[in-house]
């Protein structure tokens, strides 16, 4: 039996989504739907010192824009996010081992 899964893209996917992809013979990225600004398609929450921290990819779009047509509003977001992760987790065990 062929297993087909479909899911909208998300920034920093949760472990269950990784499992879903791994168990699928075919995985479809559902990107022809409107962006939901309240969802986790372009943002996610990380835990730092017991506090929730939100990380968001800056986007340029208008209401009703399909995910596949959305543009990132500035190019330095990856560097900014990596710097935040580094500052938050640099004292964590094995940080140097896993940090790029």
N, C-alpha and C. Protein backbone atom coordinates (compact mmCIF):
# COMPACT_ATOMS: atom_id res chain seq x y z
N UNK A 1 0.84 -1.17 0.00
CA UNK A 1 0.00 0.00 0.00
C UNK A 1 0.89 1.25 0.00
N UNK A 2 0.56 2.21 -0.83
CA UNK A 2 1.30 3.47 -0.91
C UNK A 2 0.72 4.46 0.08
N UNK A 3 1.60 5.07 0.86
CA UNK A 3 1.18 6.08 1.83
C UNK A 3 1.50 7.46 1.26
N UNK A 4 0.45 8.28 1.12
CA UNK A 4 0.60 9.65 0.63
C UNK A 4 0.22 10.59 1.76
N UNK A 5 1.09 11.56 2.03
CA UNK A 5 0.83 12.56 3.07
C UNK A 5 0.91 13.94 2.46
N UNK A 6 0.19 14.87 3.08
CA UNK A 6 0.21 16.26 2.62
C UNK A 6 0.24 17.16 3.85
N UNK A 7 1.00 18.23 3.73
CA UNK A 7 1.11 19.16 4.86
C UNK A 7 1.55 20.52 4.34
N UNK A 8 1.07 21.56 4.99
CA UNK A 8 1.53 22.90 4.64
C UNK A 8 2.95 23.09 5.16
N UNK A 9 3.75 23.91 4.49
CA UNK A 9 5.11 24.15 4.97
C UNK A 9 5.09 24.85 6.32
N UNK A 10 6.11 24.59 7.10
CA UNK A 10 6.21 25.25 8.40
C UNK A 10 7.67 25.55 8.69
N UNK A 11 7.88 26.64 9.41
CA UNK A 11 9.23 27.02 9.79
C UNK A 11 9.63 26.20 11.00
N UNK A 12 10.71 25.48 10.87
CA UNK A 12 11.23 24.60 11.92
C UNK A 12 10.17 23.57 12.29
N UNK A 13 9.94 22.60 11.42
CA UNK A 13 8.86 21.64 11.63
C UNK A 13 9.01 20.83 12.91
N UNK A 14 7.90 20.48 13.49
CA UNK A 14 7.85 19.69 14.71
C UNK A 14 8.21 18.24 14.39
N UNK A 15 8.61 17.51 15.40
CA UNK A 15 9.09 16.13 15.22
C UNK A 15 8.03 15.24 14.57
N UNK A 16 6.76 15.44 14.90
CA UNK A 16 5.69 14.65 14.31
C UNK A 16 5.61 14.79 12.81
N UNK A 17 5.91 15.98 12.31
CA UNK A 17 5.91 16.19 10.85
C UNK A 17 7.07 15.43 10.21
N UNK A 18 8.21 15.44 10.86
CA UNK A 18 9.36 14.69 10.34
C UNK A 18 9.03 13.20 10.27
N UNK A 19 8.34 12.69 11.28
CA UNK A 19 7.91 11.29 11.29
C UNK A 19 6.91 11.02 10.16
N UNK A 20 6.00 11.97 9.97
CA UNK A 20 4.99 11.85 8.91
C UNK A 20 5.67 11.73 7.54
N UNK A 21 6.66 12.57 7.30
CA UNK A 21 7.40 12.54 6.03
C UNK A 21 8.14 11.21 5.89
N UNK A 22 8.79 10.77 6.96
CA UNK A 22 9.57 9.53 6.91
C UNK A 22 8.70 8.31 6.63
N UNK A 23 7.47 8.32 7.09
CA UNK A 23 6.57 7.18 6.90
C UNK A 23 5.82 7.21 5.57
N UNK A 24 6.00 8.28 4.82
CA UNK A 24 5.26 8.46 3.56
C UNK A 24 6.07 7.97 2.37
N UNK A 25 5.38 7.36 1.44
CA UNK A 25 6.00 7.03 0.16
C UNK A 25 6.03 8.27 -0.73
N UNK A 26 4.98 9.07 -0.62
CA UNK A 26 4.87 10.32 -1.36
C UNK A 26 4.46 11.40 -0.36
N UNK A 27 5.20 12.50 -0.36
CA UNK A 27 4.86 13.62 0.52
C UNK A 27 4.63 14.86 -0.34
N UNK A 28 3.49 15.50 -0.15
CA UNK A 28 3.11 16.68 -0.93
C UNK A 28 3.16 17.90 -0.03
N UNK A 29 3.87 18.94 -0.48
CA UNK A 29 3.90 20.21 0.25
C UNK A 29 2.74 21.05 -0.27
N UNK A 30 1.79 21.33 0.60
CA UNK A 30 0.60 22.08 0.24
C UNK A 30 0.90 23.58 0.33
N UNK A 31 1.34 24.14 -0.79
CA UNK A 31 1.74 25.55 -0.79
C UNK A 31 0.84 26.42 -1.67
N UNK A 32 -0.25 25.87 -2.16
CA UNK A 32 -1.16 26.66 -2.99
C UNK A 32 -2.40 27.10 -2.20
N UNK A 33 -2.22 27.32 -0.90
CA UNK A 33 -3.26 27.84 -0.02
C UNK A 33 -2.77 29.18 0.54
N UNK A 34 -3.71 29.97 1.06
CA UNK A 34 -3.36 31.27 1.62
C UNK A 34 -2.52 31.12 2.88
N UNK A 35 -1.61 32.05 3.07
CA UNK A 35 -0.82 32.10 4.30
C UNK A 35 -1.75 32.46 5.45
N UNK A 36 -1.63 31.75 6.55
CA UNK A 36 -2.36 32.08 7.77
C UNK A 36 -1.37 32.75 8.70
N UNK A 37 -1.49 34.04 8.90
CA UNK A 37 -0.49 34.77 9.68
C UNK A 37 -0.44 34.33 11.14
N UNK A 38 -1.47 33.63 11.61
CA UNK A 38 -1.48 33.14 12.99
C UNK A 38 -0.87 31.75 13.12
N UNK A 39 -0.63 31.09 12.01
CA UNK A 39 -0.10 29.72 12.03
C UNK A 39 1.42 29.74 12.10
N UNK A 40 2.02 28.58 11.98
CA UNK A 40 3.47 28.44 12.12
C UNK A 40 4.16 28.19 10.78
N UNK A 41 3.59 28.71 9.72
CA UNK A 41 4.19 28.55 8.40
C UNK A 41 5.45 29.40 8.27
N UNK A 42 5.50 30.50 8.98
CA UNK A 42 6.65 31.41 8.87
C UNK A 42 7.21 31.82 10.24
N UNK A 43 6.81 31.11 11.28
CA UNK A 43 7.30 31.44 12.62
C UNK A 43 7.26 30.19 13.49
N UNK A 44 7.93 30.28 14.65
CA UNK A 44 7.88 29.18 15.60
C UNK A 44 8.29 29.67 16.97
N UNK A 45 8.01 28.87 17.97
CA UNK A 45 8.32 29.21 19.35
C UNK A 45 9.44 28.31 19.83
N UNK A 46 10.42 28.92 20.50
CA UNK A 46 11.53 28.19 21.10
C UNK A 46 11.57 28.49 22.58
N UNK A 47 12.01 27.52 23.36
CA UNK A 47 12.10 27.69 24.81
C UNK A 47 13.52 28.08 25.18
N UNK A 48 13.64 29.19 25.90
CA UNK A 48 14.93 29.68 26.35
C UNK A 48 14.80 30.11 27.80
N UNK A 49 15.55 29.47 28.68
CA UNK A 49 15.52 29.74 30.12
C UNK A 49 14.10 29.74 30.66
N UNK A 50 13.32 28.76 30.21
CA UNK A 50 11.96 28.59 30.70
C UNK A 50 10.96 29.57 30.11
N UNK A 51 11.38 30.40 29.18
CA UNK A 51 10.49 31.38 28.58
C UNK A 51 10.34 31.09 27.09
N UNK A 52 9.14 31.33 26.58
CA UNK A 52 8.87 31.12 25.16
C UNK A 52 9.35 32.33 24.37
N UNK A 53 10.10 32.04 23.31
CA UNK A 53 10.61 33.08 22.41
C UNK A 53 10.10 32.78 21.00
N UNK A 54 9.53 33.79 20.36
CA UNK A 54 9.01 33.63 19.01
C UNK A 54 10.06 34.07 17.99
N UNK A 55 10.22 33.26 16.97
CA UNK A 55 11.11 33.58 15.84
C UNK A 55 10.21 33.63 14.60
N UNK A 56 10.33 34.70 13.84
CA UNK A 56 9.47 34.90 12.67
C UNK A 56 10.30 35.26 11.44
N UNK A 57 9.99 34.63 10.33
CA UNK A 57 10.60 35.01 9.06
C UNK A 57 9.84 36.23 8.56
N UNK A 58 10.53 37.35 8.32
CA UNK A 58 9.84 38.56 7.86
C UNK A 58 9.34 38.39 6.42
N UNK A 59 8.06 38.59 6.24
CA UNK A 59 7.46 38.38 4.93
C UNK A 59 6.84 39.66 4.37
N UNK A 60 6.75 39.69 3.06
CA UNK A 60 6.08 40.78 2.37
C UNK A 60 4.93 40.16 1.58
N UNK A 61 3.70 40.43 2.02
CA UNK A 61 2.55 39.83 1.36
C UNK A 61 1.30 40.63 1.73
N UNK A 62 0.23 40.38 1.01
CA UNK A 62 -1.06 40.97 1.34
C UNK A 62 -2.04 39.84 1.62
N UNK A 63 -3.12 40.16 2.27
CA UNK A 63 -4.13 39.18 2.64
C UNK A 63 -4.58 38.41 1.39
N UNK A 64 -4.66 37.11 1.49
CA UNK A 64 -5.09 36.28 0.37
C UNK A 64 -3.97 35.78 -0.52
N UNK A 65 -2.72 36.07 -0.14
CA UNK A 65 -1.58 35.62 -0.94
C UNK A 65 -1.31 34.14 -0.67
N UNK A 66 -1.12 33.38 -1.72
CA UNK A 66 -0.80 31.96 -1.59
C UNK A 66 0.62 31.81 -1.04
N UNK A 67 0.84 30.77 -0.26
CA UNK A 67 2.16 30.53 0.34
C UNK A 67 3.25 30.52 -0.73
N UNK A 68 2.99 29.87 -1.85
CA UNK A 68 4.02 29.75 -2.89
C UNK A 68 4.39 31.09 -3.53
N UNK A 69 3.58 32.13 -3.32
CA UNK A 69 3.84 33.44 -3.91
C UNK A 69 4.39 34.46 -2.92
N UNK A 70 4.63 34.05 -1.71
CA UNK A 70 5.09 34.99 -0.67
C UNK A 70 6.58 35.26 -0.83
N UNK A 71 6.96 36.48 -0.58
CA UNK A 71 8.36 36.89 -0.64
C UNK A 71 8.85 37.24 0.76
N UNK A 72 10.12 36.92 1.01
CA UNK A 72 10.75 37.31 2.27
C UNK A 72 11.08 38.79 2.17
N UNK A 73 10.79 39.55 3.24
CA UNK A 73 10.93 41.00 3.15
C UNK A 73 12.35 41.51 3.37
N UNK A 74 13.23 40.74 3.99
CA UNK A 74 14.64 41.15 4.04
C UNK A 74 15.53 39.93 4.08
N UNK A 75 16.70 40.07 3.49
CA UNK A 75 17.56 38.92 3.24
C UNK A 75 18.39 38.47 4.43
N UNK A 76 18.50 39.27 5.47
CA UNK A 76 19.36 38.93 6.60
C UNK A 76 18.66 38.10 7.68
N UNK A 77 17.45 37.64 7.44
CA UNK A 77 16.72 36.94 8.48
C UNK A 77 17.43 35.67 8.93
N UNK A 78 18.07 34.94 8.01
CA UNK A 78 18.77 33.71 8.40
C UNK A 78 19.91 34.01 9.36
N UNK A 79 20.68 35.01 9.05
CA UNK A 79 21.78 35.42 9.92
C UNK A 79 21.24 35.87 11.28
N UNK A 80 20.17 36.65 11.27
CA UNK A 80 19.56 37.12 12.51
C UNK A 80 19.08 35.95 13.37
N UNK A 81 18.42 34.98 12.75
CA UNK A 81 17.91 33.82 13.49
C UNK A 81 19.05 32.97 14.04
N UNK A 82 20.08 32.74 13.23
CA UNK A 82 21.22 31.96 13.72
C UNK A 82 21.89 32.65 14.91
N UNK A 83 21.99 33.95 14.86
CA UNK A 83 22.59 34.70 15.96
C UNK A 83 21.75 34.56 17.23
N UNK A 84 20.44 34.61 17.09
CA UNK A 84 19.56 34.42 18.25
C UNK A 84 19.73 33.02 18.83
N UNK A 85 19.71 32.01 17.97
CA UNK A 85 19.89 30.63 18.44
C UNK A 85 21.23 30.49 19.17
N UNK A 86 22.26 31.05 18.59
CA UNK A 86 23.59 30.96 19.20
C UNK A 86 23.59 31.60 20.59
N UNK A 87 23.02 32.78 20.70
CA UNK A 87 22.98 33.47 21.99
C UNK A 87 22.13 32.73 23.01
N UNK A 88 21.05 32.14 22.57
CA UNK A 88 20.16 31.43 23.49
C UNK A 88 20.76 30.12 23.98
N UNK A 89 21.42 29.39 23.11
CA UNK A 89 21.81 28.02 23.43
C UNK A 89 23.31 27.78 23.56
N UNK A 90 24.13 28.82 23.49
CA UNK A 90 25.59 28.62 23.50
C UNK A 90 26.12 27.96 24.77
N UNK A 91 25.37 28.01 25.86
CA UNK A 91 25.81 27.37 27.11
C UNK A 91 25.19 25.99 27.30
N UNK A 92 24.44 25.54 26.33
CA UNK A 92 23.81 24.22 26.41
C UNK A 92 24.86 23.13 26.23
N UNK A 93 24.65 21.97 26.87
CA UNK A 93 25.60 20.87 26.69
C UNK A 93 25.73 20.49 25.21
N UNK A 94 26.95 20.26 24.79
CA UNK A 94 27.28 19.82 23.44
C UNK A 94 26.98 20.86 22.36
N UNK A 95 26.79 22.10 22.75
CA UNK A 95 26.50 23.15 21.77
C UNK A 95 27.56 23.20 20.67
N UNK A 96 28.82 23.23 21.05
CA UNK A 96 29.91 23.34 20.08
C UNK A 96 29.92 22.15 19.11
N UNK A 97 29.49 21.01 19.59
CA UNK A 97 29.47 19.81 18.76
C UNK A 97 28.46 19.93 17.62
N UNK A 98 27.30 20.52 17.91
CA UNK A 98 26.23 20.60 16.93
C UNK A 98 26.18 21.91 16.16
N UNK A 99 26.77 22.96 16.69
CA UNK A 99 26.69 24.27 16.03
C UNK A 99 27.48 24.25 14.72
N UNK A 100 26.89 24.82 13.66
CA UNK A 100 27.58 24.76 12.35
C UNK A 100 28.91 25.50 12.32
